[in-house]
Amino acid sequence: MLKIRLRRTGGTNAPAYRIVVSDSRRTPTAMVIEELGYYDPTKNPPLLELDVDKANAWIAKGATASGTVGKLLARPKA
């Protein structure tokens, strides 16, 4: 089963995330199928770059979004 989830990057006390499509049976740091964007919550305002069309295409193919990614997808584009 495929899952769209966050993959942590960045250093200690400076989290940044990549939004990736990966196999749900593997760890988030395992090989990914596709990278859809990135999210940096430490910036003011938080920096979000996400290819919504690709994410919706993966969801149509049967992938599920994690809770946080679901909230990021529902966020209105600024």
PDB file of N, CA and C in Angstrom:
ATOM      1  N   MET A   1       0.842  -1.176   0.000  1.00  0.00           N
ATOM      2  CA  MET A   1       0.000   0.000   0.000  1.00  0.00           C
ATOM      3  C   MET A   1       0.892   1.246   0.000  1.00  0.00           C
ATOM      4  N   LEU A   2       0.518   2.203  -0.787  1.00  0.00           N
ATOM      5  CA  LEU A   2       1.293   3.437  -0.890  1.00  0.00           C
ATOM      6  C   LEU A   2       0.748   4.489   0.062  1.00  0.00           C
ATOM      7  N   LYS A   3       1.655   5.309   0.551  1.00  0.00           N
ATOM      8  CA  LYS A   3       1.287   6.362   1.484  1.00  0.00           C
ATOM      9  C   LYS A   3       2.023   7.648   1.107  1.00  0.00           C
ATOM     10  N   ILE A   4       1.313   8.766   1.187  1.00  0.00           N
ATOM     11  CA  ILE A   4       1.924  10.079   0.996  1.00  0.00           C
ATOM     12  C   ILE A   4       2.190  10.610   2.393  1.00  0.00           C
ATOM     13  N   ARG A   5       3.460  10.827   2.713  1.00  0.00           N
ATOM     14  CA  ARG A   5       3.821  11.225   4.069  1.00  0.00           C
ATOM     15  C   ARG A   5       5.021  12.150   4.086  1.00  0.00           C
ATOM     16  N   LEU A   6       5.320  12.644   5.276  1.00  0.00           N
ATOM     17  CA  LEU A   6       6.449  13.548   5.455  1.00  0.00           C
ATOM     18  C   LEU A   6       7.713  12.743   5.734  1.00  0.00           C
ATOM     19  N   ARG A   7       8.812  13.200   5.173  1.00  0.00           N
ATOM     20  CA  ARG A   7      10.125  12.610   5.427  1.00  0.00           C
ATOM     21  C   ARG A   7      10.990  13.720   6.005  1.00  0.00           C
ATOM     22  N   ARG A   8      11.431  13.540   7.232  1.00  0.00           N
ATOM     23  CA  ARG A   8      12.162  14.601   7.914  1.00  0.00           C
ATOM     24  C   ARG A   8      13.558  14.778   7.337  1.00  0.00           C
ATOM     25  N   THR A   9      13.901  16.037   7.101  1.00  0.00           N
ATOM     26  CA  THR A   9      15.254  16.439   6.729  1.00  0.00           C
ATOM     27  C   THR A   9      15.625  17.569   7.669  1.00  0.00           C
ATOM     28  N   GLY A  10      16.731  18.188   7.468  1.00  0.00           N
ATOM     29  CA  GLY A  10      17.111  19.295   8.344  1.00  0.00           C
ATOM     30  C   GLY A  10      17.873  18.793   9.546  1.00  0.00           C
ATOM     31  N   GLY A  11      18.354  19.704  10.324  1.00  0.00           N
ATOM     32  CA  GLY A  11      19.212  19.360  11.445  1.00  0.00           C
ATOM     33  C   GLY A  11      18.486  19.312  12.771  1.00  0.00           C
ATOM     34  N   THR A  12      19.255  19.175  13.820  1.00  0.00           N
ATOM     35  CA  THR A  12      18.714  19.165  15.168  1.00  0.00           C
ATOM     36  C   THR A  12      18.072  20.515  15.467  1.00  0.00           C
ATOM     37  N   ASN A  13      16.888  20.482  15.998  1.00  0.00           N
ATOM     38  CA  ASN A  13      16.108  21.680  16.342  1.00  0.00           C
ATOM     39  C   ASN A  13      15.794  22.560  15.137  1.00  0.00           C
ATOM     40  N   ALA A  14      15.917  22.030  13.931  1.00  0.00           N
ATOM     41  CA  ALA A  14      15.578  22.777  12.714  1.00  0.00           C
ATOM     42  C   ALA A  14      14.886  21.831  11.738  1.00  0.00           C
ATOM     43  N   PRO A  15      13.650  21.412  12.050  1.00  0.00           N
ATOM     44  CA  PRO A  15      12.993  20.428  11.191  1.00  0.00           C
ATOM     45  C   PRO A  15      12.570  21.017   9.859  1.00  0.00           C
ATOM     46  N   ALA A  16      12.737  20.234   8.828  1.00  0.00           N
ATOM     47  CA  ALA A  16      12.211  20.519   7.503  1.00  0.00           C
ATOM     48  C   ALA A  16      11.779  19.170   6.954  1.00  0.00           C
ATOM     49  N   TYR A  17      10.823  19.154   6.063  1.00  0.00           N
ATOM     50  CA  TYR A  17      10.259  17.894   5.602  1.00  0.00           C
ATOM     51  C   TYR A  17      10.135  17.875   4.086  1.00  0.00           C
ATOM     52  N   ARG A  18      10.286  16.682   3.510  1.00  0.00           N
ATOM     53  CA  ARG A  18       9.957  16.443   2.118  1.00  0.00           C
ATOM     54  C   ARG A  18       8.661  15.662   2.101  1.00  0.00           C
ATOM     55  N   ILE A  19       7.792  15.972   1.166  1.00  0.00           N
ATOM     56  CA  ILE A  19       6.535  15.253   1.027  1.00  0.00           C
ATOM     57  C   ILE A  19       6.769  14.200  -0.055  1.00  0.00           C
ATOM     58  N   VAL A  20       6.652  12.921   0.327  1.00  0.00           N
ATOM     59  CA  VAL A  20       7.033  11.828  -0.556  1.00  0.00           C
ATOM     60  C   VAL A  20       5.928  10.777  -0.639  1.00  0.00           C
ATOM     61  N   VAL A  21       5.989   9.996  -1.717  1.00  0.00           N
ATOM     62  CA  VAL A  21       5.141   8.813  -1.872  1.00  0.00           C
ATOM     63  C   VAL A  21       6.044   7.616  -1.634  1.00  0.00           C
ATOM     64  N   SER A  22       5.660   6.760  -0.676  1.00  0.00           N
ATOM     65  CA  SER A  22       6.481   5.596  -0.362  1.00  0.00           C
ATOM     66  C   SER A  22       5.587   4.441   0.066  1.00  0.00           C
ATOM     67  N   ASP A  23       6.202   3.262   0.159  1.00  0.00           N
ATOM     68  CA  ASP A  23       5.502   2.067   0.602  1.00  0.00           C
ATOM     69  C   ASP A  23       5.250   2.188   2.103  1.00  0.00           C
ATOM     70  N   SER A  24       4.022   1.971   2.525  1.00  0.00           N
ATOM     71  CA  SER A  24       3.679   2.157   3.933  1.00  0.00           C
ATOM     72  C   SER A  24       4.314   1.109   4.837  1.00  0.00           C
ATOM     73  N   ARG A  25       4.768  -0.006   4.272  1.00  0.00           N
ATOM     74  CA  ARG A  25       5.378  -1.062   5.090  1.00  0.00           C
ATOM     75  C   ARG A  25       6.834  -0.770   5.410  1.00  0.00           C
ATOM     76  N   ARG A  26       7.401   0.236   4.801  1.00  0.00           N
ATOM     77  CA  ARG A  26       8.797   0.592   5.035  1.00  0.00           C
ATOM     78  C   ARG A  26       8.883   1.833   5.924  1.00  0.00           C
ATOM     79  N   THR A  27      10.076   2.113   6.426  1.00  0.00           N
ATOM     80  CA  THR A  27      10.258   3.301   7.254  1.00  0.00           C
ATOM     81  C   THR A  27      10.190   4.552   6.373  1.00  0.00           C
ATOM     82  N   PRO A  28       9.886   5.695   6.946  1.00  0.00           N
ATOM     83  CA  PRO A  28       9.828   6.926   6.152  1.00  0.00           C
ATOM     84  C   PRO A  28      11.157   7.308   5.509  1.00  0.00           C
ATOM     85  N   THR A  29      12.274   6.785   6.021  1.00  0.00           N
ATOM     86  CA  THR A  29      13.578   7.123   5.448  1.00  0.00           C
ATOM     87  C   THR A  29      14.004   6.140   4.361  1.00  0.00           C
ATOM     88  N   ALA A  30      13.170   5.152   4.063  1.00  0.00           N
ATOM     89  CA  ALA A  30      13.497   4.189   3.010  1.00  0.00           C
ATOM     90  C   ALA A  30      13.350   4.841   1.635  1.00  0.00           C
ATOM     91  N   MET A  31      13.670   4.079   0.598  1.00  0.00           N
ATOM     92  CA  MET A  31      13.583   4.584  -0.774  1.00  0.00           C
ATOM     93  C   MET A  31      12.152   5.056  -1.082  1.00  0.00           C
ATOM     94  N   VAL A  32      12.040   6.169  -1.774  1.00  0.00           N
ATOM     95  CA  VAL A  32      10.731   6.731  -2.101  1.00  0.00           C
ATOM     96  C   VAL A  32      10.424   6.500  -3.578  1.00  0.00           C
ATOM     97  N   ILE A  33       9.145   6.523  -3.903  1.00  0.00           N
ATOM     98  CA  ILE A  33       8.716   6.373  -5.280  1.00  0.00           C
ATOM     99  C   ILE A  33       8.772   7.712  -6.002  1.00  0.00           C
ATOM    100  N   GLU A  34       8.270   8.751  -5.329  1.00  0.00           N
ATOM    101  CA  GLU A  34       8.286  10.094  -5.929  1.00  0.00           C
ATOM    102  C   GLU A  34       8.272  11.144  -4.828  1.00  0.00           C
ATOM    103  N   GLU A  35       8.951  12.245  -5.090  1.00  0.00           N
ATOM    104  CA  GLU A  35       8.948  13.384  -4.182  1.00  0.00           C
ATOM    105  C   GLU A  35       7.976  14.423  -4.734  1.00  0.00           C
ATOM    106  N   LEU A  36       7.040  14.864  -3.899  1.00  0.00           N
ATOM    107  CA  LEU A  36       5.992  15.775  -4.343  1.00  0.00           C
ATOM    108  C   LEU A  36       6.220  17.224  -3.933  1.00  0.00           C
ATOM    109  N   GLY A  37       7.086  17.459  -2.970  1.00  0.00           N
ATOM    110  CA  GLY A  37       7.326  18.829  -2.536  1.00  0.00           C
ATOM    111  C   GLY A  37       8.060  18.858  -1.215  1.00  0.00           C
ATOM    112  N   TYR A  38       8.010  20.015  -0.558  1.00  0.00           N
ATOM    113  CA  TYR A  38       8.678  20.179   0.729  1.00  0.00           C
ATOM    114  C   TYR A  38       7.860  21.097   1.622  1.00  0.00           C
ATOM    115  N   TYR A  39       8.146  21.015   2.926  1.00  0.00           N
ATOM    116  CA  TYR A  39       7.444  21.804   3.938  1.00  0.00           C
ATOM    117  C   TYR A  39       8.456  22.212   4.999  1.00  0.00           C
ATOM    118  N   ASP A  40       8.533  23.510   5.272  1.00  0.00           N
ATOM    119  CA  ASP A  40       9.442  24.028   6.291  1.00  0.00           C
ATOM    120  C   ASP A  40       8.636  24.846   7.299  1.00  0.00           C
ATOM    121  N   PRO A  41       8.284  24.244   8.440  1.00  0.00           N
ATOM    122  CA  PRO A  41       7.454  24.953   9.421  1.00  0.00           C
ATOM    123  C   PRO A  41       8.208  25.983  10.247  1.00  0.00           C
ATOM    124  N   THR A  42       9.535  26.043  10.138  1.00  0.00           N
ATOM    125  CA  THR A  42      10.302  26.979  10.956  1.00  0.00           C
ATOM    126  C   THR A  42      10.289  28.397  10.392  1.00  0.00           C
ATOM    127  N   LYS A  43       9.966  28.558   9.141  1.00  0.00           N
ATOM    128  CA  LYS A  43       9.905  29.890   8.528  1.00  0.00           C
ATOM    129  C   LYS A  43       8.648  30.610   8.990  1.00  0.00           C
ATOM    130  N   ASN A  44       8.639  31.922   8.836  1.00  0.00           N
ATOM    131  CA  ASN A  44       7.469  32.707   9.183  1.00  0.00           C
ATOM    132  C   ASN A  44       7.040  33.528   7.985  1.00  0.00           C
ATOM    133  N   PRO A  45       5.969  33.199   7.282  1.00  0.00           N
ATOM    134  CA  PRO A  45       5.050  32.071   7.461  1.00  0.00           C
ATOM    135  C   PRO A  45       5.681  30.758   7.000  1.00  0.00           C
ATOM    136  N   PRO A  46       5.110  29.623   7.431  1.00  0.00           N
ATOM    137  CA  PRO A  46       5.678  28.327   7.031  1.00  0.00           C
ATOM    138  C   PRO A  46       5.731  28.177   5.515  1.00  0.00           C
ATOM    139  N   LEU A  47       6.822  27.612   5.034  1.00  0.00           N
ATOM    140  CA  LEU A  47       7.067  27.460   3.606  1.00  0.00           C
ATOM    141  C   LEU A  47       6.538  26.112   3.141  1.00  0.00           C
ATOM    142  N   LEU A  48       5.632  26.130   2.155  1.00  0.00           N
ATOM    143  CA  LEU A  48       5.051  24.903   1.622  1.00  0.00           C
ATOM    144  C   LEU A  48       5.099  24.948   0.108  1.00  0.00           C
ATOM    145  N   GLU A  49       5.735  23.961  -0.474  1.00  0.00           N
ATOM    146  CA  GLU A  49       5.759  23.790  -1.925  1.00  0.00           C
ATOM    147  C   GLU A  49       5.293  22.365  -2.184  1.00  0.00           C
ATOM    148  N   LEU A  50       4.106  22.218  -2.779  1.00  0.00           N
ATOM    149  CA  LEU A  50       3.506  20.906  -2.969  1.00  0.00           C
ATOM    150  C   LEU A  50       2.828  20.848  -4.328  1.00  0.00           C
ATOM    151  N   ASP A  51       3.126  19.813  -5.104  1.00  0.00           N
ATOM    152  CA  ASP A  51       2.472  19.603  -6.383  1.00  0.00           C
ATOM    153  C   ASP A  51       1.153  18.885  -6.117  1.00  0.00           C
ATOM    154  N   VAL A  52       0.074  19.656  -5.996  1.00  0.00           N
ATOM    155  CA  VAL A  52      -1.229  19.116  -5.627  1.00  0.00           C
ATOM    156  C   VAL A  52      -1.770  18.204  -6.713  1.00  0.00           C
ATOM    157  N   ASP A  53      -1.513  18.516  -7.983  1.00  0.00           N
ATOM    158  CA  ASP A  53      -2.006  17.673  -9.070  1.00  0.00           C
ATOM    159  C   ASP A  53      -1.407  16.272  -9.005  1.00  0.00           C
ATOM    160  N   LYS A  54      -0.103  16.183  -8.736  1.00  0.00           N
ATOM    161  CA  LYS A  54       0.541  14.876  -8.608  1.00  0.00           C
ATOM    162  C   LYS A  54       0.021  14.134  -7.383  1.00  0.00           C
ATOM    163  N   ALA A  55      -0.185  14.857  -6.290  1.00  0.00           N
ATOM    164  CA  ALA A  55      -0.704  14.222  -5.075  1.00  0.00           C
ATOM    165  C   ALA A  55      -2.098  13.660  -5.321  1.00  0.00           C
ATOM    166  N   ASN A  56      -2.951  14.423  -5.984  1.00  0.00           N
ATOM    167  CA  ASN A  56      -4.294  13.940  -6.290  1.00  0.00           C
ATOM    168  C   ASN A  56      -4.253  12.762  -7.249  1.00  0.00           C
ATOM    169  N   ALA A  57      -3.300  12.750  -8.172  1.00  0.00           N
ATOM    170  CA  ALA A  57      -3.162  11.614  -9.083  1.00  0.00           C
ATOM    171  C   ALA A  57      -2.773  10.350  -8.313  1.00  0.00           C
ATOM    172  N   TRP A  58      -1.860  10.475  -7.348  1.00  0.00           N
ATOM    173  CA  TRP A  58      -1.475   9.321  -6.531  1.00  0.00           C
ATOM    174  C   TRP A  58      -2.636   8.852  -5.670  1.00  0.00           C
ATOM    175  N   ILE A  59      -3.429   9.779  -5.142  1.00  0.00           N
ATOM    176  CA  ILE A  59      -4.596   9.408  -4.336  1.00  0.00           C
ATOM    177  C   ILE A  59      -5.610   8.674  -5.201  1.00  0.00           C
ATOM    178  N   ALA A  60      -5.775   9.105  -6.450  1.00  0.00           N
ATOM    179  CA  ALA A  60      -6.681   8.427  -7.377  1.00  0.00           C
ATOM    180  C   ALA A  60      -6.199   7.011  -7.695  1.00  0.00           C
ATOM    181  N   LYS A  61      -4.880   6.791  -7.641  1.00  0.00           N
ATOM    182  CA  LYS A  61      -4.323   5.463  -7.893  1.00  0.00           C
ATOM    183  C   LYS A  61      -4.387   4.564  -6.664  1.00  0.00           C
ATOM    184  N   GLY A  62      -4.818   5.095  -5.519  1.00  0.00           N
ATOM    185  CA  GLY A  62      -4.983   4.281  -4.327  1.00  0.00           C
ATOM    186  C   GLY A  62      -4.088   4.634  -3.165  1.00  0.00           C
ATOM    187  N   ALA A  63      -3.241   5.627  -3.294  1.00  0.00           N
ATOM    188  CA  ALA A  63      -2.381   6.032  -2.182  1.00  0.00           C
ATOM    189  C   ALA A  63      -3.220   6.768  -1.142  1.00  0.00           C
ATOM    190  N   THR A  64      -2.814   6.672   0.117  1.00  0.00           N
ATOM    191  CA  THR A  64      -3.492   7.406   1.178  1.00  0.00           C
ATOM    192  C   THR A  64      -2.535   8.447   1.751  1.00  0.00           C
ATOM    193  N   ALA A  65      -3.089   9.571   2.131  1.00  0.00           N
ATOM    194  CA  ALA A  65      -2.278  10.646   2.709  1.00  0.00           C
ATOM    195  C   ALA A  65      -2.270  10.505   4.228  1.00  0.00           C
ATOM    196  N   SER A  66      -1.132  10.809   4.837  1.00  0.00           N
ATOM    197  CA  SER A  66      -1.063  10.812   6.303  1.00  0.00           C
ATOM    198  C   SER A  66      -1.899  11.981   6.815  1.00  0.00           C
ATOM    199  N   GLY A  67      -2.121  12.024   8.116  1.00  0.00           N
ATOM    200  CA  GLY A  67      -2.952  13.084   8.690  1.00  0.00           C
ATOM    201  C   GLY A  67      -2.416  14.476   8.411  1.00  0.00           C
ATOM    202  N   THR A  68      -1.124  14.655   8.614  1.00  0.00           N
ATOM    203  CA  THR A  68      -0.519  15.976   8.406  1.00  0.00           C
ATOM    204  C   THR A  68      -0.530  16.353   6.929  1.00  0.00           C
ATOM    205  N   VAL A  69      -0.224  15.419   6.058  1.00  0.00           N
ATOM    206  CA  VAL A  69      -0.231  15.711   4.622  1.00  0.00           C
ATOM    207  C   VAL A  69      -1.644  16.018   4.159  1.00  0.00           C
ATOM    208  N   GLY A  70      -2.630  15.336   4.716  1.00  0.00           N
ATOM    209  CA  GLY A  70      -4.022  15.638   4.389  1.00  0.00           C
ATOM    210  C   GLY A  70      -4.383  17.069   4.742  1.00  0.00           C
ATOM    211  N   LYS A  71      -3.900  17.533   5.895  1.00  0.00           N
ATOM    212  CA  LYS A  71      -4.153  18.921   6.296  1.00  0.00           C
ATOM    213  C   LYS A  71      -3.432  19.897   5.367  1.00  0.00           C
ATOM    214  N   LEU A  72      -2.224  19.535   4.933  1.00  0.00           N
ATOM    215  CA  LEU A  72      -1.483  20.411   4.021  1.00  0.00           C
ATOM    216  C   LEU A  72      -2.155  20.467   2.652  1.00  0.00           C
ATOM    217  N   LEU A  73      -2.729  19.355   2.209  1.00  0.00           N
ATOM    218  CA  LEU A  73      -3.451  19.341   0.927  1.00  0.00           C
ATOM    219  C   LEU A  73      -4.723  20.194   0.998  1.00  0.00           C
ATOM    220  N   ALA A  74      -5.363  20.207   2.161  1.00  0.00           N
ATOM    221  CA  ALA A  74      -6.611  20.965   2.326  1.00  0.00           C
ATOM    222  C   ALA A  74      -6.355  22.449   2.531  1.00  0.00           C
ATOM    223  N   ARG A  75      -5.108  22.821   2.842  1.00  0.00           N
ATOM    224  CA  ARG A  75      -4.763  24.220   3.087  1.00  0.00           C
ATOM    225  C   ARG A  75      -4.968  25.031   1.802  1.00  0.00           C
ATOM    226  N   PRO A  76      -5.637  26.179   1.910  1.00  0.00           N
ATOM    227  CA  PRO A  76      -5.827  26.999   0.708  1.00  0.00           C
ATOM    228  C   PRO A  76      -4.481  27.537   0.196  1.00  0.00           C
ATOM    229  N   LYS A  77      -4.351  27.582  -1.099  1.00  0.00           N
ATOM    230  CA  LYS A  77      -3.121  28.067  -1.725  1.00  0.00           C
ATOM    231  C   LYS A  77      -3.018  29.577  -1.524  1.00  0.00           C
ATOM    232  N   ALA A  78      -1.900  30.030  -1.004  1.00  0.00           N
ATOM    233  CA  ALA A  78      -1.717  31.462  -0.738  1.00  0.00           C
ATOM    234  C   ALA A  78      -1.044  32.147  -1.904  1.00  0.00           C
TER     235      ALA A  78
END
